[in-house]
PDB file of N, CA and C in Angstrom:
ATOM      1  N   MET A   1     -23.641  16.624 -20.465  1.00  0.00           N
ATOM      2  CA  MET A   1     -22.610  17.647 -20.445  1.00  0.00           C
ATOM      3  C   MET A   1     -21.811  17.583 -19.145  1.00  0.00           C
ATOM      4  N   ILE A   2     -22.495  17.487 -18.028  1.00  0.00           N
ATOM      5  CA  ILE A   2     -21.797  17.437 -16.747  1.00  0.00           C
ATOM      6  C   ILE A   2     -20.983  16.151 -16.639  1.00  0.00           C
ATOM      7  N   LYS A   3     -21.541  15.053 -17.140  1.00  0.00           N
ATOM      8  CA  LYS A   3     -20.828  13.782 -17.074  1.00  0.00           C
ATOM      9  C   LYS A   3     -19.494  13.867 -17.814  1.00  0.00           C
ATOM     10  N   GLY A   4     -19.488  14.446 -19.002  1.00  0.00           N
ATOM     11  CA  GLY A   4     -18.256  14.617 -19.764  1.00  0.00           C
ATOM     12  C   GLY A   4     -17.291  15.553 -19.065  1.00  0.00           C
ATOM     13  N   LEU A   5     -17.825  16.585 -18.418  1.00  0.00           N
ATOM     14  CA  LEU A   5     -16.990  17.539 -17.698  1.00  0.00           C
ATOM     15  C   LEU A   5     -16.299  16.857 -16.521  1.00  0.00           C
ATOM     16  N   GLN A   6     -17.040  16.032 -15.792  1.00  0.00           N
ATOM     17  CA  GLN A   6     -16.441  15.308 -14.672  1.00  0.00           C
ATOM     18  C   GLN A   6     -15.356  14.357 -15.156  1.00  0.00           C
ATOM     19  N   ARG A   7     -15.612  13.696 -16.265  1.00  0.00           N
ATOM     20  CA  ARG A   7     -14.618  12.771 -16.800  1.00  0.00           C
ATOM     21  C   ARG A   7     -13.335  13.519 -17.131  1.00  0.00           C
ATOM     22  N   GLY A   8     -13.466  14.658 -17.791  1.00  0.00           N
ATOM     23  CA  GLY A   8     -12.300  15.466 -18.126  1.00  0.00           C
ATOM     24  C   GLY A   8     -11.591  15.961 -16.880  1.00  0.00           C
ATOM     25  N   PHE A   9     -12.352  16.332 -15.864  1.00  0.00           N
ATOM     26  CA  PHE A   9     -11.783  16.814 -14.615  1.00  0.00           C
ATOM     27  C   PHE A   9     -10.922  15.744 -13.968  1.00  0.00           C
ATOM     28  N   TRP A  10     -11.448  14.508 -13.877  1.00  0.00           N
ATOM     29  CA  TRP A  10     -10.699  13.428 -13.250  1.00  0.00           C
ATOM     30  C   TRP A  10      -9.488  13.030 -14.072  1.00  0.00           C
ATOM     31  N   GLN A  11      -9.611  13.103 -15.394  1.00  0.00           N
ATOM     32  CA  GLN A  11      -8.457  12.790 -16.234  1.00  0.00           C
ATOM     33  C   GLN A  11      -7.337  13.781 -15.983  1.00  0.00           C
ATOM     34  N   PHE A  12      -7.692  15.010 -15.670  1.00  0.00           N
ATOM     35  CA  PHE A  12      -6.680  16.019 -15.375  1.00  0.00           C
ATOM     36  C   PHE A  12      -5.959  15.696 -14.064  1.00  0.00           C
ATOM     37  N   LEU A  13      -6.722  15.285 -13.045  1.00  0.00           N
ATOM     38  CA  LEU A  13      -6.131  15.002 -11.735  1.00  0.00           C
ATOM     39  C   LEU A  13      -5.368  13.685 -11.708  1.00  0.00           C
ATOM     40  N   ILE A  14      -5.876  12.692 -12.421  1.00  0.00           N
ATOM     41  CA  ILE A  14      -5.247  11.375 -12.421  1.00  0.00           C
ATOM     42  C   ILE A  14      -4.771  11.094 -13.839  1.00  0.00           C
ATOM     43  N   PRO A  15      -3.487  11.311 -14.118  1.00  0.00           N
ATOM     44  CA  PRO A  15      -2.998  11.133 -15.483  1.00  0.00           C
ATOM     45  C   PRO A  15      -3.073   9.681 -15.927  1.00  0.00           C
ATOM     46  N   VAL A  16      -3.221   9.494 -17.227  1.00  0.00           N
ATOM     47  CA  VAL A  16      -3.242   8.162 -17.811  1.00  0.00           C
ATOM     48  C   VAL A  16      -1.889   7.510 -17.560  1.00  0.00           C
ATOM     49  N   ARG A  17      -1.888   6.219 -17.270  1.00  0.00           N
ATOM     50  CA  ARG A  17      -0.666   5.504 -16.883  1.00  0.00           C
ATOM     51  C   ARG A  17       0.467   5.686 -17.887  1.00  0.00           C
ATOM     52  N   ASN A  18       0.183   5.658 -19.160  1.00  0.00           N
ATOM     53  CA  ASN A  18       1.231   5.742 -20.172  1.00  0.00           C
ATOM     54  C   ASN A  18       1.521   7.170 -20.608  1.00  0.00           C
ATOM     55  N   SER A  19       0.861   8.169 -20.011  1.00  0.00           N
ATOM     56  CA  SER A  19       1.032   9.544 -20.480  1.00  0.00           C
ATOM     57  C   SER A  19       2.457  10.039 -20.287  1.00  0.00           C
ATOM     58  N   VAL A  20       3.116   9.651 -19.215  1.00  0.00           N
ATOM     59  CA  VAL A  20       4.484  10.097 -18.974  1.00  0.00           C
ATOM     60  C   VAL A  20       5.424   9.433 -19.968  1.00  0.00           C
ATOM     61  N   ARG A  21       5.197   8.156 -20.246  1.00  0.00           N
ATOM     62  CA  ARG A  21       6.072   7.430 -21.159  1.00  0.00           C
ATOM     63  C   ARG A  21       5.913   7.900 -22.599  1.00  0.00           C
ATOM     64  N   SER A  22       4.676   8.206 -23.000  1.00  0.00           N
ATOM     65  CA  SER A  22       4.467   8.579 -24.392  1.00  0.00           C
ATOM     66  C   SER A  22       4.705  10.057 -24.638  1.00  0.00           C
ATOM     67  N   GLY A  23       4.756  10.860 -23.586  1.00  0.00           N
ATOM     68  CA  GLY A  23       4.972  12.293 -23.735  1.00  0.00           C
ATOM     69  C   GLY A  23       6.444  12.618 -23.818  1.00  0.00           C
ATOM     70  N   ALA A  24       6.744  13.917 -23.767  1.00  0.00           N
ATOM     71  CA  ALA A  24       8.141  14.345 -23.827  1.00  0.00           C
ATOM     72  C   ALA A  24       8.856  13.901 -22.561  1.00  0.00           C
ATOM     73  N   ARG A  25      10.058  13.385 -22.719  1.00  0.00           N
ATOM     74  CA  ARG A  25      10.841  12.905 -21.582  1.00  0.00           C
ATOM     75  C   ARG A  25      12.135  13.680 -21.506  1.00  0.00           C
ATOM     76  N   VAL A  26      12.590  13.908 -20.316  1.00  0.00           N
ATOM     77  CA  VAL A  26      13.878  14.560 -20.123  1.00  0.00           C
ATOM     78  C   VAL A  26      14.960  13.543 -20.425  1.00  0.00           C
ATOM     79  N   GLY A  27      15.897  13.908 -21.273  1.00  0.00           N
ATOM     80  CA  GLY A  27      16.997  13.001 -21.589  1.00  0.00           C
ATOM     81  C   GLY A  27      16.713  12.076 -22.750  1.00  0.00           C
ATOM     82  N   GLY A  28      15.513  12.136 -23.342  1.00  0.00           N
ATOM     83  CA  GLY A  28      15.212  11.305 -24.507  1.00  0.00           C
ATOM     84  C   GLY A  28      15.038   9.848 -24.139  1.00  0.00           C
ATOM     85  N   SER A  29      14.882   9.006 -25.168  1.00  0.00           N
ATOM     86  CA  SER A  29      14.725   7.578 -24.900  1.00  0.00           C
ATOM     87  C   SER A  29      15.973   6.847 -25.330  1.00  0.00           C
ATOM     88  N   GLY A  30      16.359   5.895 -24.545  1.00  0.00           N
ATOM     89  CA  GLY A  30      17.558   5.112 -24.810  1.00  0.00           C
ATOM     90  C   GLY A  30      17.256   3.652 -24.614  1.00  0.00           C
ATOM     91  N   PRO A  31      18.263   2.856 -24.244  1.00  0.00           N
ATOM     92  CA  PRO A  31      18.045   1.435 -24.026  1.00  0.00           C
ATOM     93  C   PRO A  31      17.035   1.156 -22.918  1.00  0.00           C
ATOM     94  N   SER A  32      16.934   2.070 -21.961  1.00  0.00           N
ATOM     95  CA  SER A  32      15.954   1.877 -20.886  1.00  0.00           C
ATOM     96  C   SER A  32      14.728   2.723 -21.171  1.00  0.00           C
ATOM     97  N   GLY A  33      14.319   2.793 -22.395  1.00  0.00           N
ATOM     98  CA  GLY A  33      13.188   3.608 -22.841  1.00  0.00           C
ATOM     99  C   GLY A  33      11.862   3.028 -22.417  1.00  0.00           C
ATOM    100  N   PRO A  34      10.783   3.476 -23.049  1.00  0.00           N
ATOM    101  CA  PRO A  34       9.431   3.102 -22.654  1.00  0.00           C
ATOM    102  C   PRO A  34       9.163   1.602 -22.657  1.00  0.00           C
ATOM    103  N   ALA A  35       9.718   0.854 -23.602  1.00  0.00           N
ATOM    104  CA  ALA A  35       9.430  -0.583 -23.666  1.00  0.00           C
ATOM    105  C   ALA A  35       9.921  -1.304 -22.413  1.00  0.00           C
ATOM    106  N   SER A  36      11.124  -0.988 -21.946  1.00  0.00           N
ATOM    107  CA  SER A  36      11.648  -1.681 -20.774  1.00  0.00           C
ATOM    108  C   SER A  36      10.978  -1.218 -19.490  1.00  0.00           C
ATOM    109  N   GLU A  37      10.495   0.029 -19.447  1.00  0.00           N
ATOM    110  CA  GLU A  37       9.806   0.518 -18.249  1.00  0.00           C
ATOM    111  C   GLU A  37       8.497  -0.215 -18.037  1.00  0.00           C
ATOM    112  N   GLU A  38       7.787  -0.549 -19.117  1.00  0.00           N
ATOM    113  CA  GLU A  38       6.502  -1.220 -18.982  1.00  0.00           C
ATOM    114  C   GLU A  38       6.670  -2.641 -18.466  1.00  0.00           C
ATOM    115  N   GLU A  39       7.820  -3.253 -18.677  1.00  0.00           N
ATOM    116  CA  GLU A  39       8.067  -4.608 -18.216  1.00  0.00           C
ATOM    117  C   GLU A  39       8.379  -4.653 -16.723  1.00  0.00           C
ATOM    118  N   ARG A  40       8.780  -3.542 -16.149  1.00  0.00           N
ATOM    119  CA  ARG A  40       9.138  -3.505 -14.734  1.00  0.00           C
ATOM    120  C   ARG A  40       7.880  -3.501 -13.876  1.00  0.00           C
ATOM    121  N   GLU A  41       7.942  -4.211 -12.770  1.00  0.00           N
ATOM    122  CA  GLU A  41       6.803  -4.346 -11.871  1.00  0.00           C
ATOM    123  C   GLU A  41       6.903  -3.318 -10.750  1.00  0.00           C
ATOM    124  N   ILE A  42       5.777  -2.690 -10.430  1.00  0.00           N
ATOM    125  CA  ILE A  42       5.733  -1.744  -9.317  1.00  0.00           C
ATOM    126  C   ILE A  42       5.289  -2.509  -8.078  1.00  0.00           C
ATOM    127  N   THR A  43       6.112  -2.469  -7.025  1.00  0.00           N
ATOM    128  CA  THR A  43       5.801  -3.191  -5.796  1.00  0.00           C
ATOM    129  C   THR A  43       5.771  -2.233  -4.613  1.00  0.00           C
ATOM    130  N   ILE A  44       4.961  -2.593  -3.630  1.00  0.00           N
ATOM    131  CA  ILE A  44       4.902  -1.830  -2.382  1.00  0.00           C
ATOM    132  C   ILE A  44       6.059  -2.312  -1.516  1.00  0.00           C
ATOM    133  N   ARG A  45       6.943  -1.417  -1.141  1.00  0.00           N
ATOM    134  CA  ARG A  45       8.110  -1.763  -0.327  1.00  0.00           C
ATOM    135  C   ARG A  45       7.874  -1.491   1.158  1.00  0.00           C
ATOM    136  N   ARG A  46       7.046  -0.498   1.463  1.00  0.00           N
ATOM    137  CA  ARG A  46       6.785  -0.126   2.864  1.00  0.00           C
ATOM    138  C   ARG A  46       5.394   0.474   2.936  1.00  0.00           C
ATOM    139  N   VAL A  47       4.632   0.094   3.945  1.00  0.00           N
ATOM    140  CA  VAL A  47       3.296   0.658   4.134  1.00  0.00           C
ATOM    141  C   VAL A  47       3.044   0.842   5.631  1.00  0.00           C
ATOM    142  N   THR A  48       2.467   1.987   5.974  1.00  0.00           N
ATOM    143  CA  THR A  48       2.095   2.286   7.356  1.00  0.00           C
ATOM    144  C   THR A  48       0.576   2.295   7.440  1.00  0.00           C
ATOM    145  N   ILE A  49       0.037   1.474   8.326  1.00  0.00           N
ATOM    146  CA  ILE A  49      -1.408   1.288   8.449  1.00  0.00           C
ATOM    147  C   ILE A  49      -1.858   1.693   9.841  1.00  0.00           C
ATOM    148  N   ASP A  50      -2.941   2.469   9.905  1.00  0.00           N
ATOM    149  CA  ASP A  50      -3.604   2.785  11.166  1.00  0.00           C
ATOM    150  C   ASP A  50      -4.770   1.809  11.269  1.00  0.00           C
ATOM    151  N   ALA A  51      -4.787   0.981  12.317  1.00  0.00           N
ATOM    152  CA  ALA A  51      -5.788  -0.078  12.408  1.00  0.00           C
ATOM    153  C   ALA A  51      -6.369  -0.172  13.812  1.00  0.00           C
ATOM    154  N   LEU A  52      -7.516  -0.827  13.882  1.00  0.00           N
ATOM    155  CA  LEU A  52      -8.205  -1.074  15.140  1.00  0.00           C
ATOM    156  C   LEU A  52      -8.269  -2.586  15.315  1.00  0.00           C
ATOM    157  N   LYS A  53      -7.760  -3.086  16.446  1.00  0.00           N
ATOM    158  CA  LYS A  53      -7.741  -4.531  16.667  1.00  0.00           C
ATOM    159  C   LYS A  53      -8.405  -4.874  17.995  1.00  0.00           C
ATOM    160  N   PRO A  54      -8.956  -6.080  18.117  1.00  0.00           N
ATOM    161  CA  PRO A  54      -9.514  -6.513  19.398  1.00  0.00           C
ATOM    162  C   PRO A  54      -8.397  -6.664  20.431  1.00  0.00           C
ATOM    163  N   ARG A  55      -8.695  -6.360  21.687  1.00  0.00           N
ATOM    164  CA  ARG A  55      -7.671  -6.468  22.743  1.00  0.00           C
ATOM    165  C   ARG A  55      -7.248  -7.906  22.992  1.00  0.00           C
ATOM    166  N   GLU A  56      -8.102  -8.865  22.615  1.00  0.00           N
ATOM    167  CA  GLU A  56      -7.781 -10.272  22.845  1.00  0.00           C
ATOM    168  C   GLU A  56      -6.571 -10.725  22.034  1.00  0.00           C
ATOM    169  N   ILE A  57      -6.315 -10.077  20.924  1.00  0.00           N
ATOM    170  CA  ILE A  57      -5.178 -10.442  20.079  1.00  0.00           C
ATOM    171  C   ILE A  57      -3.985  -9.589  20.489  1.00  0.00           C
ATOM    172  N   GLY A  58      -2.923 -10.220  20.922  1.00  0.00           N
ATOM    173  CA  GLY A  58      -1.720  -9.486  21.315  1.00  0.00           C
ATOM    174  C   GLY A  58      -0.949  -8.999  20.102  1.00  0.00           C
ATOM    175  N   ILE A  59      -0.175  -7.936  20.296  1.00  0.00           N
ATOM    176  CA  ILE A  59       0.575  -7.399  19.159  1.00  0.00           C
ATOM    177  C   ILE A  59       1.710  -8.334  18.742  1.00  0.00           C
ATOM    178  N   ILE A  60       2.207  -9.139  19.659  1.00  0.00           N
ATOM    179  CA  ILE A  60       3.254 -10.103  19.293  1.00  0.00           C
ATOM    180  C   ILE A  60       2.680 -11.170  18.365  1.00  0.00           C
ATOM    181  N   ASP A  61       1.505 -11.700  18.729  1.00  0.00           N
ATOM    182  CA  ASP A  61       0.859 -12.704  17.872  1.00  0.00           C
ATOM    183  C   ASP A  61       0.498 -12.117  16.510  1.00  0.00           C
ATOM    184  N   LEU A  62      -0.045 -10.914  16.507  1.00  0.00           N
ATOM    185  CA  LEU A  62      -0.420 -10.265  15.249  1.00  0.00           C
ATOM    186  C   LEU A  62       0.805 -10.007  14.379  1.00  0.00           C
ATOM    187  N   SER A  63       1.890  -9.576  14.988  1.00  0.00           N
ATOM    188  CA  SER A  63       3.101  -9.305  14.209  1.00  0.00           C
ATOM    189  C   SER A  63       3.662 -10.587  13.592  1.00  0.00           C
ATOM    190  N   LYS A  64       3.591 -11.702  14.313  1.00  0.00           N
ATOM    191  CA  LYS A  64       4.068 -12.974  13.767  1.00  0.00           C
ATOM    192  C   LYS A  64       3.206 -13.436  12.594  1.00  0.00           C
ATOM    193  N   VAL A  65       1.899 -13.272  12.725  1.00  0.00           N
ATOM    194  CA  VAL A  65       0.984 -13.656  11.644  1.00  0.00           C
ATOM    195  C   VAL A  65       1.251 -12.812  10.402  1.00  0.00           C
ATOM    196  N   LEU A  66       1.420 -11.507  10.589  1.00  0.00           N
ATOM    197  CA  LEU A  66       1.672 -10.623   9.451  1.00  0.00           C
ATOM    198  C   LEU A  66       3.032 -10.902   8.817  1.00  0.00           C
ATOM    199  N   CYS A  67       4.021 -11.213   9.625  1.00  0.00           N
ATOM    200  CA  CYS A  67       5.364 -11.487   9.103  1.00  0.00           C
ATOM    201  C   CYS A  67       5.409 -12.816   8.350  1.00  0.00           C
ATOM    202  N   ASP A  68       4.449 -13.681   8.608  1.00  0.00           N
ATOM    203  CA  ASP A  68       4.379 -14.976   7.938  1.00  0.00           C
ATOM    204  C   ASP A  68       3.820 -14.869   6.512  1.00  0.00           C
ATOM    205  N   ILE A  69       3.277 -13.714   6.142  1.00  0.00           N
ATOM    206  CA  ILE A  69       2.734 -13.508   4.795  1.00  0.00           C
ATOM    207  C   ILE A  69       3.892 -13.432   3.803  1.00  0.00           C
ATOM    208  N   ASP A  70       3.739 -14.094   2.660  1.00  0.00           N
ATOM    209  CA  ASP A  70       4.776 -14.067   1.620  1.00  0.00           C
ATOM    210  C   ASP A  70       5.107 -12.634   1.230  1.00  0.00           C
ATOM    211  N   GLY A  71       6.390 -12.320   1.206  1.00  0.00           N
ATOM    212  CA  GLY A  71       6.853 -10.997   0.799  1.00  0.00           C
ATOM    213  C   GLY A  71       7.106 -10.047   1.953  1.00  0.00           C
ATOM    214  N   VAL A  72       6.467 -10.275   3.088  1.00  0.00           N
ATOM    215  CA  VAL A  72       6.660  -9.395   4.246  1.00  0.00           C
ATOM    216  C   VAL A  72       7.954  -9.801   4.943  1.00  0.00           C
ATOM    217  N   GLU A  73       8.876  -8.852   5.045  1.00  0.00           N
ATOM    218  CA  GLU A  73      10.177  -9.130   5.660  1.00  0.00           C
ATOM    219  C   GLU A  73      10.289  -8.582   7.080  1.00  0.00           C
ATOM    220  N   GLU A  74       9.541  -7.519   7.376  1.00  0.00           N
ATOM    221  CA  GLU A  74       9.652  -6.883   8.691  1.00  0.00           C
ATOM    222  C   GLU A  74       8.307  -6.284   9.082  1.00  0.00           C
ATOM    223  N   VAL A  75       7.954  -6.402  10.362  1.00  0.00           N
ATOM    224  CA  VAL A  75       6.703  -5.858  10.890  1.00  0.00           C
ATOM    225  C   VAL A  75       7.006  -5.086  12.163  1.00  0.00           C
ATOM    226  N   ASP A  76       6.526  -3.846  12.225  1.00  0.00           N
ATOM    227  CA  ASP A  76       6.605  -3.039  13.445  1.00  0.00           C
ATOM    228  C   ASP A  76       5.181  -2.670  13.839  1.00  0.00           C
ATOM    229  N   ILE A  77       4.816  -2.923  15.094  1.00  0.00           N
ATOM    230  CA  ILE A  77       3.487  -2.561  15.590  1.00  0.00           C
ATOM    231  C   ILE A  77       3.648  -1.776  16.875  1.00  0.00           C
ATOM    232  N   SER A  78       2.955  -0.649  16.953  1.00  0.00           N
ATOM    233  CA  SER A  78       2.930   0.115  18.204  1.00  0.00           C
ATOM    234  C   SER A  78       1.485   0.470  18.537  1.00  0.00           C
ATOM    235  N   VAL A  79       1.153   0.359  19.811  1.00  0.00           N
ATOM    236  CA  VAL A  79      -0.192   0.688  20.289  1.00  0.00           C
ATOM    237  C   VAL A  79      -0.248   2.188  20.524  1.00  0.00           C
ATOM    238  N   THR A  80      -1.234   2.845  19.915  1.00  0.00           N
ATOM    239  CA  THR A  80      -1.357   4.296  20.065  1.00  0.00           C
ATOM    240  C   THR A  80      -2.516   4.700  20.965  1.00  0.00           C
ATOM    241  N   GLU A  81      -3.495   3.797  21.136  1.00  0.00           N
ATOM    242  CA  GLU A  81      -4.640   4.116  21.986  1.00  0.00           C
ATOM    243  C   GLU A  81      -5.276   2.817  22.468  1.00  0.00           C
ATOM    244  N   VAL A  82      -5.711   2.810  23.731  1.00  0.00           N
ATOM    245  CA  VAL A  82      -6.330   1.620  24.314  1.00  0.00           C
ATOM    246  C   VAL A  82      -7.740   1.963  24.753  1.00  0.00           C
ATOM    247  N   ASP A  83      -8.690   1.108  24.364  1.00  0.00           N
ATOM    248  CA  ASP A  83     -10.083   1.251  24.758  1.00  0.00           C
ATOM    249  C   ASP A  83     -10.467  -0.020  25.529  1.00  0.00           C
ATOM    250  N   VAL A  84     -11.704  -0.104  25.986  1.00  0.00           N
ATOM    251  CA  VAL A  84     -12.138  -1.258  26.768  1.00  0.00           C
ATOM    252  C   VAL A  84     -12.018  -2.551  25.964  1.00  0.00           C
ATOM    253  N   ARG A  85     -12.480  -2.545  24.711  1.00  0.00           N
ATOM    254  CA  ARG A  85     -12.478  -3.757  23.895  1.00  0.00           C
ATOM    255  C   ARG A  85     -11.471  -3.751  22.749  1.00  0.00           C
ATOM    256  N   THR A  86     -10.954  -2.589  22.408  1.00  0.00           N
ATOM    257  CA  THR A  86     -10.085  -2.489  21.230  1.00  0.00           C
ATOM    258  C   THR A  86      -8.810  -1.706  21.524  1.00  0.00           C
ATOM    259  N   GLU A  87      -7.868  -1.833  20.616  1.00  0.00           N
ATOM    260  CA  GLU A  87      -6.633  -1.046  20.657  1.00  0.00           C
ATOM    261  C   GLU A  87      -6.402  -0.465  19.266  1.00  0.00           C
ATOM    262  N   THR A  88      -6.020   0.796  19.231  1.00  0.00           N
ATOM    263  CA  THR A  88      -5.623   1.415  17.975  1.00  0.00           C
ATOM    264  C   THR A  88      -4.129   1.184  17.828  1.00  0.00           C
ATOM    265  N   VAL A  89      -3.733   0.656  16.677  1.00  0.00           N
ATOM    266  CA  VAL A  89      -2.329   0.326  16.459  1.00  0.00           C
ATOM    267  C   VAL A  89      -1.825   0.947  15.163  1.00  0.00           C
ATOM    268  N   LYS A  90      -0.532   1.219  15.165  1.00  0.00           N
ATOM    269  CA  LYS A  90       0.161   1.667  13.957  1.00  0.00           C
ATOM    270  C   LYS A  90       1.015   0.489  13.513  1.00  0.00           C
ATOM    271  N   ILE A  91       0.775   0.010  12.297  1.00  0.00           N
ATOM    272  CA  ILE A  91       1.479  -1.155  11.770  1.00  0.00           C
ATOM    273  C   ILE A  91       2.337  -0.715  10.590  1.00  0.00           C
ATOM    274  N   VAL A  92       3.619  -1.024  10.648  1.00  0.00           N
ATOM    275  CA  VAL A  92       4.534  -0.722   9.548  1.00  0.00           C
ATOM    276  C   VAL A  92       5.030  -2.047   8.986  1.00  0.00           C
ATOM    277  N   LEU A  93       4.767  -2.268   7.694  1.00  0.00           N
ATOM    278  CA  LEU A  93       5.199  -3.487   7.017  1.00  0.00           C
ATOM    279  C   LEU A  93       6.259  -3.133   5.991  1.00  0.00           C
ATOM    280  N   LYS A  94       7.321  -3.937   5.945  1.00  0.00           N
ATOM    281  CA  LYS A  94       8.397  -3.712   4.975  1.00  0.00           C
ATOM    282  C   LYS A  94       8.656  -5.005   4.220  1.00  0.00           C
ATOM    283  N   GLY A  95       9.055  -4.877   2.973  1.00  0.00           N
ATOM    284  CA  GLY A  95       9.347  -6.034   2.137  1.00  0.00           C
ATOM    285  C   GLY A  95       8.759  -5.834   0.760  1.00  0.00           C
ATOM    286  N   LYS A  96       8.294  -6.909   0.176  1.00  0.00           N
ATOM    287  CA  LYS A  96       7.593  -6.872  -1.111  1.00  0.00           C
ATOM    288  C   LYS A  96       6.139  -7.193  -0.788  1.00  0.00           C
ATOM    289  N   ILE A  97       5.389  -6.157  -0.445  1.00  0.00           N
ATOM    290  CA  ILE A  97       4.076  -6.300   0.175  1.00  0.00           C
ATOM    291  C   ILE A  97       2.979  -6.540  -0.856  1.00  0.00           C
ATOM    292  N   ASP A  98       2.173  -7.589  -0.630  1.00  0.00           N
ATOM    293  CA  ASP A  98       0.939  -7.813  -1.382  1.00  0.00           C
ATOM    294  C   ASP A  98      -0.185  -7.322  -0.472  1.00  0.00           C
ATOM    295  N   PHE A  99      -0.657  -6.101  -0.722  1.00  0.00           N
ATOM    296  CA  PHE A  99      -1.599  -5.460   0.188  1.00  0.00           C
ATOM    297  C   PHE A  99      -2.904  -6.241   0.311  1.00  0.00           C
ATOM    298  N   GLU A 100      -3.347  -6.892  -0.763  1.00  0.00           N
ATOM    299  CA  GLU A 100      -4.581  -7.677  -0.699  1.00  0.00           C
ATOM    300  C   GLU A 100      -4.439  -8.831   0.292  1.00  0.00           C
ATOM    301  N   SER A 101      -3.302  -9.505   0.278  1.00  0.00           N
ATOM    302  CA  SER A 101      -3.066 -10.604   1.223  1.00  0.00           C
ATOM    303  C   SER A 101      -3.026 -10.094   2.655  1.00  0.00           C
ATOM    304  N   VAL A 102      -2.370  -8.958   2.848  1.00  0.00           N
ATOM    305  CA  VAL A 102      -2.271  -8.367   4.185  1.00  0.00           C
ATOM    306  C   VAL A 102      -3.652  -8.001   4.707  1.00  0.00           C
ATOM    307  N   SER A 103      -4.450  -7.317   3.890  1.00  0.00           N
ATOM    308  CA  SER A 103      -5.775  -6.896   4.352  1.00  0.00           C
ATOM    309  C   SER A 103      -6.686  -8.099   4.600  1.00  0.00           C
ATOM    310  N   LYS A 104      -6.541  -9.160   3.803  1.00  0.00           N
ATOM    311  CA  LYS A 104      -7.348 -10.368   4.009  1.00  0.00           C
ATOM    312  C   LYS A 104      -7.008 -11.034   5.343  1.00  0.00           C
ATOM    313  N   ILE A 105      -5.729 -11.191   5.640  1.00  0.00           N
ATOM    314  CA  ILE A 105      -5.301 -11.801   6.910  1.00  0.00           C
ATOM    315  C   ILE A 105      -5.749 -10.940   8.090  1.00  0.00           C
ATOM    316  N   MET A 106      -5.597  -9.622   7.957  1.00  0.00           N
ATOM    317  CA  MET A 106      -6.007  -8.736   9.048  1.00  0.00           C
ATOM    318  C   MET A 106      -7.502  -8.861   9.303  1.00  0.00           C
ATOM    319  N   GLU A 107      -8.286  -8.962   8.242  1.00  0.00           N
ATOM    320  CA  GLU A 107      -9.733  -9.120   8.395  1.00  0.00           C
ATOM    321  C   GLU A 107     -10.066 -10.435   9.093  1.00  0.00           C
ATOM    322  N   GLU A 108      -9.349 -11.504   8.754  1.00  0.00           N
ATOM    323  CA  GLU A 108      -9.574 -12.804   9.397  1.00  0.00           C
ATOM    324  C   GLU A 108      -9.323 -12.747  10.901  1.00  0.00           C
ATOM    325  N   TYR A 109      -8.415 -11.899  11.341  1.00  0.00           N
ATOM    326  CA  TYR A 109      -8.097 -11.763  12.761  1.00  0.00           C
ATOM    327  C   TYR A 109      -8.889 -10.642  13.437  1.00  0.00           C
ATOM    328  N   GLY A 110      -9.864 -10.080  12.744  1.00  0.00           N
ATOM    329  CA  GLY A 110     -10.719  -9.055  13.331  1.00  0.00           C
ATOM    330  C   GLY A 110     -10.101  -7.675  13.393  1.00  0.00           C
ATOM    331  N   VAL A 111      -9.035  -7.460  12.638  1.00  0.00           N
ATOM    332  CA  VAL A 111      -8.368  -6.156  12.613  1.00  0.00           C
ATOM    333  C   VAL A 111      -8.974  -5.329  11.485  1.00  0.00           C
ATOM    334  N   VAL A 112      -9.371  -4.110  11.812  1.00  0.00           N
ATOM    335  CA  VAL A 112      -9.992  -3.214  10.840  1.00  0.00           C
ATOM    336  C   VAL A 112      -8.985  -2.143  10.436  1.00  0.00           C
ATOM    337  N   ILE A 113      -8.750  -2.027   9.141  1.00  0.00           N
ATOM    338  CA  ILE A 113      -7.854  -0.981   8.638  1.00  0.00           C
ATOM    339  C   ILE A 113      -8.633   0.329   8.614  1.00  0.00           C
ATOM    340  N   ARG A 114      -8.170   1.296   9.399  1.00  0.00           N
ATOM    341  CA  ARG A 114      -8.816   2.612   9.419  1.00  0.00           C
ATOM    342  C   ARG A 114      -8.284   3.495   8.310  1.00  0.00           C
ATOM    343  N   SER A 115      -6.970   3.440   8.081  1.00  0.00           N
ATOM    344  CA  SER A 115      -6.377   4.240   7.009  1.00  0.00           C
ATOM    345  C   SER A 115      -4.987   3.719   6.681  1.00  0.00           C
ATOM    346  N   VAL A 116      -4.553   4.034   5.473  1.00  0.00           N
ATOM    347  CA  VAL A 116      -3.168   3.797   5.066  1.00  0.00           C
ATOM    348  C   VAL A 116      -2.510   5.165   5.121  1.00  0.00           C
ATOM    349  N   ASP A 117      -1.601   5.340   6.078  1.00  0.00           N
ATOM    350  CA  ASP A 117      -1.023   6.656   6.343  1.00  0.00           C
ATOM    351  C   ASP A 117       0.223   6.953   5.525  1.00  0.00           C
ATOM    352  N   GLU A 118       0.914   5.922   5.091  1.00  0.00           N
ATOM    353  CA  GLU A 118       2.153   6.130   4.345  1.00  0.00           C
ATOM    354  C   GLU A 118       2.403   4.908   3.474  1.00  0.00           C
ATOM    355  N   VAL A 119       2.920   5.145   2.276  1.00  0.00           N
ATOM    356  CA  VAL A 119       3.244   4.032   1.391  1.00  0.00           C
ATOM    357  C   VAL A 119       4.486   4.382   0.584  1.00  0.00           C
ATOM    358  N   SER A 120       5.307   3.383   0.348  1.00  0.00           N
ATOM    359  CA  SER A 120       6.506   3.558  -0.463  1.00  0.00           C
ATOM    360  C   SER A 120       6.516   2.446  -1.504  1.00  0.00           C
ATOM    361  N   VAL A 121       6.590   2.826  -2.784  1.00  0.00           N
ATOM    362  CA  VAL A 121       6.592   1.843  -3.862  1.00  0.00           C
ATOM    363  C   VAL A 121       7.894   1.930  -4.638  1.00  0.00           C
ATOM    364  N   ARG A 122       8.155   0.879  -5.424  1.00  0.00           N
ATOM    365  CA  ARG A 122       9.405   0.818  -6.177  1.00  0.00           C
ATOM    366  C   ARG A 122       9.186   0.020  -7.460  1.00  0.00           C
ATOM    367  N   LYS A 123       9.861   0.429  -8.526  1.00  0.00           N
ATOM    368  CA  LYS A 123       9.848  -0.345  -9.765  1.00  0.00           C
ATOM    369  C   LYS A 123      10.974  -1.355  -9.704  1.00  0.00           C
ATOM    370  N   GLU A 124      10.662  -2.586 -10.078  1.00  0.00           N
ATOM    371  CA  GLU A 124      11.683  -3.639 -10.066  1.00  0.00           C
ATOM    372  C   GLU A 124      11.676  -4.373 -11.379  1.00  0.00           C
TER     373      GLU A 124
END
């Protein structure tokens, strides 16, 4: 009973992907109706990451490595806190971001993602 209740609870908070398309729509359906919307790809256009990096890696080197990832067009990095061995940085990536590639490269360089503070997506 509780398991079913939890499932219903989460379904309420996180709507099914097609629920908006199959439900009532403002303005009705036209040439850009549900079929064409499903063909469009949702991409991350901008993401702000709070991360912890080793002090040995400079922000210039890190920004060049991140900008070299396919789809990344612009990288902004600012240091927000300095510790003996690490630096807390705010990283802003712009472009057509593949977050899995970004997180993999960051992990290879010893950068730990603490949180994703802001994200902007777009249908294309």
